């Protein structure tokens, strides 16, 4: 990813406007949720949907192709409920 930089002013309400080129690069649309994170002395802004996509990619590395974690969880819960009877 190309390093981009912009200089912004904080308004009297503490707000800044994310430039359109940055929003486009991050896939941020009006109404999207973003996450702000302090890392040492820097503020990191991430689109929530991008964080979820990254988490899914990380988890997929550990799951067998064709398997469904949701199906496995449901099966485990049904088995546990059956044993409780």
C-alpha atoms as a PDB file:
ATOM      1  CA  UNK A   1       0.000   0.000   0.000  1.00  0.00           C
ATOM      2  CA  UNK A   2       1.291   3.406  -0.932  1.00  0.00           C
ATOM      3  CA  UNK A   3       1.948   5.682   2.020  1.00  0.00           C
ATOM      4  CA  UNK A   4      -0.398   8.644   1.854  1.00  0.00           C
ATOM      5  CA  UNK A   5      -0.380  11.675   4.066  1.00  0.00           C
ATOM      6  CA  UNK A   6      -2.671  14.642   4.530  1.00  0.00           C
ATOM      7  CA  UNK A   7      -2.513  17.618   6.822  1.00  0.00           C
ATOM      8  CA  UNK A   8      -5.833  18.460   8.466  1.00  0.00           C
ATOM      9  CA  UNK A   9      -7.106  20.993  10.978  1.00  0.00           C
ATOM     10  CA  UNK A  10      -9.217  19.959  13.934  1.00  0.00           C
ATOM     11  CA  UNK A  11     -12.330  22.150  14.200  1.00  0.00           C
ATOM     12  CA  UNK A  12     -13.699  23.659  17.413  1.00  0.00           C
ATOM     13  CA  UNK A  13     -15.782  20.520  18.041  1.00  0.00           C
ATOM     14  CA  UNK A  14     -12.735  18.258  17.743  1.00  0.00           C
ATOM     15  CA  UNK A  15     -13.713  16.985  14.310  1.00  0.00           C
ATOM     16  CA  UNK A  16     -11.635  16.280  11.244  1.00  0.00           C
ATOM     17  CA  UNK A  17     -12.792  15.355   7.748  1.00  0.00           C
ATOM     18  CA  UNK A  18     -11.252  12.267   6.200  1.00  0.00           C
ATOM     19  CA  UNK A  19     -10.268  13.270   2.652  1.00  0.00           C
ATOM     20  CA  UNK A  20     -12.233  11.604  -0.150  1.00  0.00           C
ATOM     21  CA  UNK A  21      -9.119   9.907  -1.560  1.00  0.00           C
ATOM     22  CA  UNK A  22      -8.481   8.249   1.810  1.00  0.00           C
ATOM     23  CA  UNK A  23     -12.120   7.181   2.191  1.00  0.00           C
ATOM     24  CA  UNK A  24     -12.052   5.726  -1.313  1.00  0.00           C
ATOM     25  CA  UNK A  25      -8.779   3.855  -0.674  1.00  0.00           C
ATOM     26  CA  UNK A  26     -10.217   2.354   2.523  1.00  0.00           C
ATOM     27  CA  UNK A  27     -13.656   1.671   1.053  1.00  0.00           C
ATOM     28  CA  UNK A  28     -15.333   3.932   3.620  1.00  0.00           C
ATOM     29  CA  UNK A  29     -18.811   5.085   2.600  1.00  0.00           C
ATOM     30  CA  UNK A  30     -21.270   7.423   4.331  1.00  0.00           C
ATOM     31  CA  UNK A  31     -22.788   5.645   7.322  1.00  0.00           C
ATOM     32  CA  UNK A  32     -19.963   3.089   7.632  1.00  0.00           C
ATOM     33  CA  UNK A  33     -18.554   2.413  11.065  1.00  0.00           C
ATOM     34  CA  UNK A  34     -14.889   3.182  11.682  1.00  0.00           C
ATOM     35  CA  UNK A  35     -12.652   2.232  14.595  1.00  0.00           C
ATOM     36  CA  UNK A  36     -10.200   4.690  16.123  1.00  0.00           C
ATOM     37  CA  UNK A  37      -7.183   3.225  17.869  1.00  0.00           C
ATOM     38  CA  UNK A  38      -4.331   4.918  19.692  1.00  0.00           C
ATOM     39  CA  UNK A  39      -0.985   3.300  18.968  1.00  0.00           C
ATOM     40  CA  UNK A  40       1.735   4.985  20.990  1.00  0.00           C
ATOM     41  CA  UNK A  41       1.468   8.602  19.812  1.00  0.00           C
ATOM     42  CA  UNK A  42      -0.534   7.945  16.633  1.00  0.00           C
ATOM     43  CA  UNK A  43      -4.221   7.659  15.809  1.00  0.00           C
ATOM     44  CA  UNK A  44      -5.186   4.808  13.503  1.00  0.00           C
ATOM     45  CA  UNK A  45      -8.533   4.834  11.676  1.00  0.00           C
ATOM     46  CA  UNK A  46      -9.822   1.572  10.255  1.00  0.00           C
ATOM     47  CA  UNK A  47     -13.101   0.689   8.593  1.00  0.00           C
ATOM     48  CA  UNK A  48     -14.897  -1.869  10.770  1.00  0.00           C
ATOM     49  CA  UNK A  49     -15.737  -3.999   7.718  1.00  0.00           C
ATOM     50  CA  UNK A  50     -12.028  -4.133   6.815  1.00  0.00           C
ATOM     51  CA  UNK A  51     -11.179  -5.321  10.340  1.00  0.00           C
ATOM     52  CA  UNK A  52     -13.793  -8.078  10.044  1.00  0.00           C
ATOM     53  CA  UNK A  53     -12.476  -9.137   6.633  1.00  0.00           C
ATOM     54  CA  UNK A  54      -8.921  -9.289   8.031  1.00  0.00           C
ATOM     55  CA  UNK A  55     -10.077 -11.386  10.995  1.00  0.00           C
ATOM     56  CA  UNK A  56     -11.916 -13.783   8.681  1.00  0.00           C
ATOM     57  CA  UNK A  57      -8.814 -14.208   6.507  1.00  0.00           C
ATOM     58  CA  UNK A  58      -6.691 -14.954   9.583  1.00  0.00           C
ATOM     59  CA  UNK A  59      -9.169 -17.526  10.907  1.00  0.00           C
ATOM     60  CA  UNK A  60      -9.568 -19.207   7.507  1.00  0.00           C
ATOM     61  CA  UNK A  61      -5.901 -20.244   7.626  1.00  0.00           C
ATOM     62  CA  UNK A  62      -6.771 -22.676  10.430  1.00  0.00           C
ATOM     63  CA  UNK A  63      -9.992 -24.131   9.040  1.00  0.00           C
ATOM     64  CA  UNK A  64     -10.165 -27.098   6.687  1.00  0.00           C
ATOM     65  CA  UNK A  65     -11.527 -26.182   3.241  1.00  0.00           C
ATOM     66  CA  UNK A  66     -15.225 -26.957   2.946  1.00  0.00           C
ATOM     67  CA  UNK A  67     -15.839 -26.972   6.701  1.00  0.00           C
ATOM     68  CA  UNK A  68     -18.224 -24.592   8.436  1.00  0.00           C
ATOM     69  CA  UNK A  69     -17.503 -23.307  11.924  1.00  0.00           C
ATOM     70  CA  UNK A  70     -21.173 -22.420  12.317  1.00  0.00           C
ATOM     71  CA  UNK A  71     -22.231 -25.990  11.466  1.00  0.00           C
ATOM     72  CA  UNK A  72     -19.621 -27.403  13.857  1.00  0.00           C
ATOM     73  CA  UNK A  73     -20.809 -25.113  16.661  1.00  0.00           C
ATOM     74  CA  UNK A  74     -24.452 -26.053  16.105  1.00  0.00           C
ATOM     75  CA  UNK A  75     -23.557 -29.758  16.124  1.00  0.00           C
ATOM     76  CA  UNK A  76     -21.552 -29.344  19.346  1.00  0.00           C
ATOM     77  CA  UNK A  77     -24.419 -27.469  21.037  1.00  0.00           C
ATOM     78  CA  UNK A  78     -26.962 -30.089  19.961  1.00  0.00           C
ATOM     79  CA  UNK A  79     -24.715 -32.865  21.290  1.00  0.00           C
ATOM     80  CA  UNK A  80     -24.269 -31.037  24.610  1.00  0.00           C
ATOM     81  CA  UNK A  81     -28.048 -30.509  24.877  1.00  0.00           C
ATOM     82  CA  UNK A  82     -28.657 -34.195  24.101  1.00  0.00           C
ATOM     83  CA  UNK A  83     -26.260 -35.238  26.878  1.00  0.00           C
ATOM     84  CA  UNK A  84     -28.011 -32.954  29.395  1.00  0.00           C
ATOM     85  CA  UNK A  85     -31.338 -34.784  29.021  1.00  0.00           C
END
